[in-house]
All heavy atoms as atom14 arrays in JSON, in Angstrom:
{
  "sequence": "EQFIEMTGQPFDMRPAGYLVAVKIYIRPEELKTIKKED",
  "atom14_mask": [
    [1, 1, 1, 1, 1, 1, 1, 1, 1, 0, 0, 0, 0, 0],
    [1, 1, 1, 1, 1, 1, 1, 1, 1, 0, 0, 0, 0, 0],
    [1, 1, 1, 1, 1, 1, 1, 1, 1, 1, 1, 0, 0, 0],
    [1, 1, 1, 1, 1, 1, 1, 1, 0, 0, 0, 0, 0, 0],
    [1, 1, 1, 1, 1, 1, 1, 1, 1, 0, 0, 0, 0, 0],
    [1, 1, 1, 1, 1, 1, 1, 1, 0, 0, 0, 0, 0, 0],
    [1, 1, 1, 1, 1, 1, 1, 0, 0, 0, 0, 0, 0, 0],
    [1, 1, 1, 1, 0, 0, 0, 0, 0, 0, 0, 0, 0, 0],
    [1, 1, 1, 1, 1, 1, 1, 1, 1, 0, 0, 0, 0, 0],
    [1, 1, 1, 1, 1, 1, 1, 0, 0, 0, 0, 0, 0, 0],
    [1, 1, 1, 1, 1, 1, 1, 1, 1, 1, 1, 0, 0, 0],
    [1, 1, 1, 1, 1, 1, 1, 1, 0, 0, 0, 0, 0, 0],
    [1, 1, 1, 1, 1, 1, 1, 1, 0, 0, 0, 0, 0, 0],
    [1, 1, 1, 1, 1, 1, 1, 1, 1, 1, 1, 0, 0, 0],
    [1, 1, 1, 1, 1, 1, 1, 0, 0, 0, 0, 0, 0, 0],
    [1, 1, 1, 1, 1, 0, 0, 0, 0, 0, 0, 0, 0, 0],
    [1, 1, 1, 1, 0, 0, 0, 0, 0, 0, 0, 0, 0, 0],
    [1, 1, 1, 1, 1, 1, 1, 1, 1, 1, 1, 1, 0, 0],
    [1, 1, 1, 1, 1, 1, 1, 1, 0, 0, 0, 0, 0, 0],
    [1, 1, 1, 1, 1, 1, 1, 0, 0, 0, 0, 0, 0, 0],
    [1, 1, 1, 1, 1, 0, 0, 0, 0, 0, 0, 0, 0, 0],
    [1, 1, 1, 1, 1, 1, 1, 0, 0, 0, 0, 0, 0, 0],
    [1, 1, 1, 1, 1, 1, 1, 1, 1, 0, 0, 0, 0, 0],
    [1, 1, 1, 1, 1, 1, 1, 1, 0, 0, 0, 0, 0, 0],
    [1, 1, 1, 1, 1, 1, 1, 1, 1, 1, 1, 1, 0, 0],
    [1, 1, 1, 1, 1, 1, 1, 1, 0, 0, 0, 0, 0, 0],
    [1, 1, 1, 1, 1, 1, 1, 1, 1, 1, 1, 0, 0, 0],
    [1, 1, 1, 1, 1, 1, 1, 0, 0, 0, 0, 0, 0, 0],
    [1, 1, 1, 1, 1, 1, 1, 1, 1, 0, 0, 0, 0, 0],
    [1, 1, 1, 1, 1, 1, 1, 1, 1, 0, 0, 0, 0, 0],
    [1, 1, 1, 1, 1, 1, 1, 1, 0, 0, 0, 0, 0, 0],
    [1, 1, 1, 1, 1, 1, 1, 1, 1, 0, 0, 0, 0, 0],
    [1, 1, 1, 1, 1, 1, 1, 0, 0, 0, 0, 0, 0, 0],
    [1, 1, 1, 1, 1, 1, 1, 1, 0, 0, 0, 0, 0, 0],
    [1, 1, 1, 1, 1, 1, 1, 1, 1, 0, 0, 0, 0, 0],
    [1, 1, 1, 1, 1, 1, 1, 1, 1, 0, 0, 0, 0, 0],
    [1, 1, 1, 1, 1, 1, 1, 1, 1, 0, 0, 0, 0, 0],
    [1, 1, 1, 1, 1, 1, 1, 1, 0, 0, 0, 0, 0, 0]
  ],
  "atom14_positions": [
    [[0.83, -1.2, 0.0], [0.0, 0.0, 0.0], [0.87, 1.26, 0.0], [0.58, 2.22, -0.72], [-0.93, 0.01, 1.21], [-2.06, -0.99, 1.13], [-2.83, -1.12, 2.44], [-2.61, -0.31, 3.37], [-3.66, -2.04, 2.53], [0.0, 0.0, 0.0], [0.0, 0.0, 0.0], [0.0, 0.0, 0.0], [0.0, 0.0, 0.0], [0.0, 0.0, 0.0]],
    [[1.92, 1.25, 0.81], [2.81, 2.4, 0.87], [3.52, 2.62, -0.47], [3.67, 3.75, -0.93], [3.84, 2.24, 1.99], [3.24, 2.25, 3.38], [2.58, 3.58, 3.7], [3.19, 4.62, 3.54], [1.34, 3.53, 4.13], [0.0, 0.0, 0.0], [0.0, 0.0, 0.0], [0.0, 0.0, 0.0], [0.0, 0.0, 0.0], [0.0, 0.0, 0.0]],
    [[3.97, 1.54, -1.1], [4.64, 1.68, -2.39], [3.67, 2.13, -3.47], [4.03, 2.91, -4.35], [5.34, 0.37, -2.78], [6.8, 0.37, -2.44], [7.21, 0.11, -1.15], [7.76, 0.67, -3.39], [8.55, 0.14, -0.81], [9.1, 0.71, -3.06], [9.5, 0.44, -1.78], [0.0, 0.0, 0.0], [0.0, 0.0, 0.0], [0.0, 0.0, 0.0]],
    [[2.44, 1.67, -3.43], [1.44, 2.13, -4.39], [1.22, 3.62, -4.21], [1.14, 4.37, -5.19], [0.13, 1.33, -4.25], [0.33, -0.1, -4.75], [-1.02, 2.01, -4.99], [-0.81, -1.05, -4.42], [0.0, 0.0, 0.0], [0.0, 0.0, 0.0], [0.0, 0.0, 0.0], [0.0, 0.0, 0.0], [0.0, 0.0, 0.0], [0.0, 0.0, 0.0]],
    [[1.16, 4.07, -2.96], [0.99, 5.5, -2.69], [2.17, 6.31, -3.22], [2.0, 7.4, -3.76], [0.84, 5.7, -1.17], [0.42, 7.09, -0.76], [0.2, 7.17, 0.73], [-0.65, 6.42, 1.25], [0.88, 7.99, 1.38], [0.0, 0.0, 0.0], [0.0, 0.0, 0.0], [0.0, 0.0, 0.0], [0.0, 0.0, 0.0], [0.0, 0.0, 0.0]],
    [[3.39, 5.79, -3.06], [4.6, 6.51, -3.48], [4.88, 6.39, -4.98], [5.38, 7.33, -5.58], [5.82, 6.0, -2.7], [5.82, 6.37, -1.24], [7.35, 5.86, -0.4], [7.19, 4.09, -0.36], [0.0, 0.0, 0.0], [0.0, 0.0, 0.0], [0.0, 0.0, 0.0], [0.0, 0.0, 0.0], [0.0, 0.0, 0.0], [0.0, 0.0, 0.0]],
    [[4.6, 5.22, -5.56], [5.06, 4.96, -6.93], [3.95, 4.57, -7.9], [4.2, 4.48, -9.1], [6.1, 3.82, -6.94], [5.44, 2.58, -6.62], [7.23, 4.06, -5.97], [0.0, 0.0, 0.0], [0.0, 0.0, 0.0], [0.0, 0.0, 0.0], [0.0, 0.0, 0.0], [0.0, 0.0, 0.0], [0.0, 0.0, 0.0], [0.0, 0.0, 0.0]],
    [[2.77, 4.25, -7.38], [1.7, 3.77, -8.24], [1.71, 2.27, -8.45], [0.83, 1.72, -9.1], [0.0, 0.0, 0.0], [0.0, 0.0, 0.0], [0.0, 0.0, 0.0], [0.0, 0.0, 0.0], [0.0, 0.0, 0.0], [0.0, 0.0, 0.0], [0.0, 0.0, 0.0], [0.0, 0.0, 0.0], [0.0, 0.0, 0.0], [0.0, 0.0, 0.0]],
    [[2.72, 1.58, -7.87], [2.83, 0.13, -8.03], [3.23, -0.51, -6.69], [3.9, 0.13, -5.88], [3.9, -0.2, -9.06], [3.6, 0.35, -10.45], [4.71, 0.07, -11.41], [5.2, -1.06, -11.49], [5.14, 1.08, -12.14], [0.0, 0.0, 0.0], [0.0, 0.0, 0.0], [0.0, 0.0, 0.0], [0.0, 0.0, 0.0], [0.0, 0.0, 0.0]],
    [[2.85, -1.77, -6.47], [3.26, -2.45, -5.24], [4.76, -2.77, -5.26], [5.4, -2.69, -6.29], [2.43, -3.74, -5.23], [2.12, -3.98, -6.66], [2.03, -2.64, -7.33], [0.0, 0.0, 0.0], [0.0, 0.0, 0.0], [0.0, 0.0, 0.0], [0.0, 0.0, 0.0], [0.0, 0.0, 0.0], [0.0, 0.0, 0.0], [0.0, 0.0, 0.0]],
    [[5.29, -3.1, -4.09], [6.69, -3.5, -4.01], [6.78, -4.94, -4.51], [6.37, -5.87, -3.83], [7.2, -3.42, -2.57], [8.67, -3.67, -2.46], [9.58, -2.65, -2.66], [9.17, -4.94, -2.17], [10.94, -2.87, -2.57], [10.52, -5.17, -2.1], [11.41, -4.14, -2.29], [0.0, 0.0, 0.0], [0.0, 0.0, 0.0], [0.0, 0.0, 0.0]],
    [[7.3, -5.11, -5.71], [7.38, -6.46, -6.27], [8.81, -6.92, -6.52], [9.02, -7.9, -7.22], [6.54, -6.56, -7.55], [6.98, -5.59, -8.62], [7.94, -4.83, -8.4], [6.34, -5.57, -9.69], [0.0, 0.0, 0.0], [0.0, 0.0, 0.0], [0.0, 0.0, 0.0], [0.0, 0.0, 0.0], [0.0, 0.0, 0.0], [0.0, 0.0, 0.0]],
    [[9.78, -6.23, -5.93], [11.17, -6.7, -6.03], [11.29, -7.96, -5.18], [10.86, -7.98, -4.02], [12.14, -5.63, -5.5], [13.59, -6.08, -5.52], [14.7, -4.92, -4.69], [14.8, -3.62, -5.88], [0.0, 0.0, 0.0], [0.0, 0.0, 0.0], [0.0, 0.0, 0.0], [0.0, 0.0, 0.0], [0.0, 0.0, 0.0], [0.0, 0.0, 0.0]],
    [[11.88, -8.99, -5.73], [12.09, -10.23, -5.0], [13.59, -10.51, -4.99], [14.17, -10.88, -6.02], [11.33, -11.39, -5.65], [9.83, -11.2, -5.63], [9.27, -11.19, -4.21], [7.91, -10.69, -4.17], [7.53, -9.63, -3.47], [8.4, -8.95, -2.77], [6.28, -9.24, -3.47], [0.0, 0.0, 0.0], [0.0, 0.0, 0.0], [0.0, 0.0, 0.0]],
    [[14.22, -10.35, -3.83], [15.68, -10.57, -3.79], [16.03, -12.02, -4.06], [15.28, -12.93, -3.72], [16.06, -10.17, -2.37], [14.8, -10.01, -1.62], [13.66, -9.96, -2.57], [0.0, 0.0, 0.0], [0.0, 0.0, 0.0], [0.0, 0.0, 0.0], [0.0, 0.0, 0.0], [0.0, 0.0, 0.0], [0.0, 0.0, 0.0], [0.0, 0.0, 0.0]],
    [[17.17, -12.21, -4.67], [17.66, -13.56, -4.98], [18.44, -14.11, -3.8], [18.97, -13.37, -2.97], [18.55, -13.51, -6.22], [0.0, 0.0, 0.0], [0.0, 0.0, 0.0], [0.0, 0.0, 0.0], [0.0, 0.0, 0.0], [0.0, 0.0, 0.0], [0.0, 0.0, 0.0], [0.0, 0.0, 0.0], [0.0, 0.0, 0.0], [0.0, 0.0, 0.0]],
    [[18.51, -15.42, -3.74], [19.37, -16.1, -2.77], [19.14, -15.67, -1.34], [18.04, -15.7, -0.83], [0.0, 0.0, 0.0], [0.0, 0.0, 0.0], [0.0, 0.0, 0.0], [0.0, 0.0, 0.0], [0.0, 0.0, 0.0], [0.0, 0.0, 0.0], [0.0, 0.0, 0.0], [0.0, 0.0, 0.0], [0.0, 0.0, 0.0], [0.0, 0.0, 0.0]],
    [[20.22, -15.27, -0.69], [20.19, -14.94, 0.73], [20.09, -13.44, 0.99], [20.33, -12.97, 2.11], [21.45, -15.49, 1.41], [22.73, -14.94, 0.83], [23.29, -13.78, 1.32], [23.37, -15.58, -0.23], [24.46, -13.26, 0.78], [24.53, -15.08, -0.78], [25.07, -13.91, -0.27], [26.22, -13.4, -0.81], [0.0, 0.0, 0.0], [0.0, 0.0, 0.0]],
    [[19.68, -12.67, -0.01], [19.6, -11.22, 0.15], [18.29, -10.78, 0.77], [17.25, -11.44, 0.64], [19.8, -10.53, -1.2], [21.17, -10.74, -1.84], [21.21, -10.1, -3.21], [22.27, -10.18, -0.95], [0.0, 0.0, 0.0], [0.0, 0.0, 0.0], [0.0, 0.0, 0.0], [0.0, 0.0, 0.0], [0.0, 0.0, 0.0], [0.0, 0.0, 0.0]],
    [[18.35, -9.63, 1.45], [17.2, -9.01, 2.08], [17.03, -7.63, 1.42], [18.0, -6.87, 1.32], [17.42, -8.85, 3.6], [16.26, -8.13, 4.26], [17.64, -10.22, 4.25], [0.0, 0.0, 0.0], [0.0, 0.0, 0.0], [0.0, 0.0, 0.0], [0.0, 0.0, 0.0], [0.0, 0.0, 0.0], [0.0, 0.0, 0.0], [0.0, 0.0, 0.0]],
    [[15.83, -7.32, 0.97], [15.53, -6.0, 0.37], [14.9, -5.12, 1.43], [13.91, -5.52, 2.07], [14.6, -6.15, -0.83], [0.0, 0.0, 0.0], [0.0, 0.0, 0.0], [0.0, 0.0, 0.0], [0.0, 0.0, 0.0], [0.0, 0.0, 0.0], [0.0, 0.0, 0.0], [0.0, 0.0, 0.0], [0.0, 0.0, 0.0], [0.0, 0.0, 0.0]],
    [[15.47, -3.93, 1.62], [14.98, -3.02, 2.65], [14.77, -1.63, 2.06], [15.49, -1.19, 1.18], [15.95, -2.94, 3.85], [16.09, -4.3, 4.53], [17.31, -2.41, 3.44], [0.0, 0.0, 0.0], [0.0, 0.0, 0.0], [0.0, 0.0, 0.0], [0.0, 0.0, 0.0], [0.0, 0.0, 0.0], [0.0, 0.0, 0.0], [0.0, 0.0, 0.0]],
    [[13.76, -0.93, 2.57], [13.52, 0.46, 2.22], [14.25, 1.31, 3.25], [14.02, 1.18, 4.45], [12.04, 0.79, 2.23], [11.74, 2.24, 1.91], [10.28, 2.56, 2.17], [10.01, 4.04, 2.09], [10.7, 4.83, 3.11], [0.0, 0.0, 0.0], [0.0, 0.0, 0.0], [0.0, 0.0, 0.0], [0.0, 0.0, 0.0], [0.0, 0.0, 0.0]],
    [[15.13, 2.16, 2.78], [15.9, 3.01, 3.66], [14.97, 4.06, 4.29], [14.16, 4.67, 3.59], [17.05, 3.71, 2.89], [17.95, 2.68, 2.23], [17.84, 4.65, 3.79], [18.62, 1.72, 3.17], [0.0, 0.0, 0.0], [0.0, 0.0, 0.0], [0.0, 0.0, 0.0], [0.0, 0.0, 0.0], [0.0, 0.0, 0.0], [0.0, 0.0, 0.0]],
    [[15.12, 4.26, 5.58], [14.3, 5.26, 6.28], [14.81, 6.66, 5.95], [15.99, 6.95, 6.09], [14.35, 5.03, 7.78], [13.6, 6.09, 8.56], [12.22, 6.17, 8.49], [14.28, 7.02, 9.34], [11.52, 7.14, 9.19], [13.59, 8.0, 10.05], [12.21, 8.05, 9.97], [11.53, 9.01, 10.66], [0.0, 0.0, 0.0], [0.0, 0.0, 0.0]],
    [[13.91, 7.49, 5.48], [14.19, 8.89, 5.23], [13.2, 9.7, 6.08], [11.98, 9.48, 5.99], [14.06, 9.24, 3.74], [15.08, 8.42, 2.95], [14.25, 10.73, 3.51], [14.98, 8.55, 1.46], [0.0, 0.0, 0.0], [0.0, 0.0, 0.0], [0.0, 0.0, 0.0], [0.0, 0.0, 0.0], [0.0, 0.0, 0.0], [0.0, 0.0, 0.0]],
    [[13.75, 10.58, 6.88], [12.9, 11.35, 7.79], [11.84, 12.12, 7.02], [12.06, 12.56, 5.9], [13.75, 12.33, 8.6], [14.65, 11.63, 9.59], [15.58, 12.58, 10.25], [16.67, 12.9, 9.32], [17.71, 13.64, 9.63], [17.82, 14.18, 10.82], [18.67, 13.87, 8.74], [0.0, 0.0, 0.0], [0.0, 0.0, 0.0], [0.0, 0.0, 0.0]],
    [[10.67, 12.29, 7.65], [9.61, 13.04, 6.97], [10.01, 14.5, 6.77], [10.81, 15.05, 7.54], [8.41, 12.93, 7.92], [8.93, 12.41, 9.2], [10.27, 11.8, 8.95], [0.0, 0.0, 0.0], [0.0, 0.0, 0.0], [0.0, 0.0, 0.0], [0.0, 0.0, 0.0], [0.0, 0.0, 0.0], [0.0, 0.0, 0.0], [0.0, 0.0, 0.0]],
    [[9.43, 15.1, 5.74], [9.73, 16.5, 5.44], [9.32, 17.4, 6.61], [10.05, 18.3, 7.01], [9.0, 16.92, 4.17], [9.2, 18.36, 3.79], [8.41, 18.74, 2.55], [7.43, 18.07, 2.21], [8.8, 19.73, 1.94], [0.0, 0.0, 0.0], [0.0, 0.0, 0.0], [0.0, 0.0, 0.0], [0.0, 0.0, 0.0], [0.0, 0.0, 0.0]],
    [[8.14, 17.15, 7.15], [7.63, 17.96, 8.24], [8.11, 17.37, 9.56], [7.78, 16.23, 9.9], [6.11, 17.98, 8.19], [5.48, 18.91, 9.2], [3.97, 18.96, 9.05], [3.49, 19.16, 7.92], [3.3, 18.8, 10.08], [0.0, 0.0, 0.0], [0.0, 0.0, 0.0], [0.0, 0.0, 0.0], [0.0, 0.0, 0.0], [0.0, 0.0, 0.0]],
    [[8.91, 18.15, 10.3], [9.43, 17.67, 11.57], [8.38, 17.73, 12.66], [8.08, 16.74, 13.32], [10.66, 18.48, 12.0], [11.96, 18.15, 11.33], [13.06, 19.06, 11.84], [12.34, 16.71, 11.57], [0.0, 0.0, 0.0], [0.0, 0.0, 0.0], [0.0, 0.0, 0.0], [0.0, 0.0, 0.0], [0.0, 0.0, 0.0], [0.0, 0.0, 0.0]],
    [[7.86, 18.92, 12.9], [6.83, 19.07, 13.92], [6.2, 20.44, 13.8], [6.74, 21.36, 13.19], [7.41, 18.86, 15.31], [8.47, 19.87, 15.74], [8.96, 19.54, 17.14], [10.21, 20.34, 17.46], [10.7, 20.06, 18.78], [0.0, 0.0, 0.0], [0.0, 0.0, 0.0], [0.0, 0.0, 0.0], [0.0, 0.0, 0.0], [0.0, 0.0, 0.0]],
    [[5.04, 20.57, 14.43], [4.35, 21.84, 14.5], [4.33, 22.26, 15.96], [3.99, 21.46, 16.83], [2.92, 21.72, 13.95], [3.01, 21.3, 12.58], [2.18, 23.02, 14.03], [0.0, 0.0, 0.0], [0.0, 0.0, 0.0], [0.0, 0.0, 0.0], [0.0, 0.0, 0.0], [0.0, 0.0, 0.0], [0.0, 0.0, 0.0], [0.0, 0.0, 0.0]],
    [[4.75, 23.48, 16.21], [4.76, 23.98, 17.59], [3.78, 25.14, 17.7], [3.57, 25.9, 16.75], [6.17, 24.41, 18.04], [6.78, 25.43, 17.08], [7.08, 23.22, 18.19], [8.1, 25.99, 17.54], [0.0, 0.0, 0.0], [0.0, 0.0, 0.0], [0.0, 0.0, 0.0], [0.0, 0.0, 0.0], [0.0, 0.0, 0.0], [0.0, 0.0, 0.0]],
    [[3.18, 25.26, 18.86], [2.23, 26.33, 19.12], [2.94, 27.41, 19.91], [3.51, 27.14, 20.98], [1.02, 25.8, 19.88], [-0.15, 26.7, 19.89], [-1.38, 26.0, 20.42], [-2.59, 26.71, 19.89], [-3.78, 25.93, 20.15], [0.0, 0.0, 0.0], [0.0, 0.0, 0.0], [0.0, 0.0, 0.0], [0.0, 0.0, 0.0], [0.0, 0.0, 0.0]],
    [[2.92, 28.62, 19.39], [3.55, 29.74, 20.06], [2.62, 30.29, 21.14], [1.43, 29.96, 21.18], [3.91, 30.82, 19.03], [4.97, 30.34, 18.05], [5.26, 31.25, 16.89], [5.19, 32.71, 17.11], [5.57, 33.53, 15.95], [0.0, 0.0, 0.0], [0.0, 0.0, 0.0], [0.0, 0.0, 0.0], [0.0, 0.0, 0.0], [0.0, 0.0, 0.0]],
    [[3.17, 31.11, 22.02], [2.38, 31.67, 23.12], [1.19, 32.48, 22.65], [0.16, 32.54, 23.32], [3.28, 32.53, 24.01], [4.27, 31.71, 24.82], [5.14, 32.57, 25.71], [4.8, 33.74, 25.96], [6.17, 32.05, 26.18], [0.0, 0.0, 0.0], [0.0, 0.0, 0.0], [0.0, 0.0, 0.0], [0.0, 0.0, 0.0], [0.0, 0.0, 0.0]],
    [[1.3, 33.1, 21.48], [0.18, 33.92, 20.98], [-0.9, 33.08, 20.3], [-1.86, 33.6, 19.74], [0.7, 35.0, 20.03], [1.31, 34.43, 18.75], [1.3, 33.21, 18.57], [1.82, 35.24, 17.94], [0.0, 0.0, 0.0], [0.0, 0.0, 0.0], [0.0, 0.0, 0.0], [0.0, 0.0, 0.0], [0.0, 0.0, 0.0], [0.0, 0.0, 0.0]]
  ]
}
């Protein structure tokens, strides 16, 4: 579902042999929203 949202297609890479396929974590663009005193 996440890959369809990002790319329009599901994650269909199938690693060969003893390999593991991982999606590297990239921090979100929006860090946080803070409320000021006003």
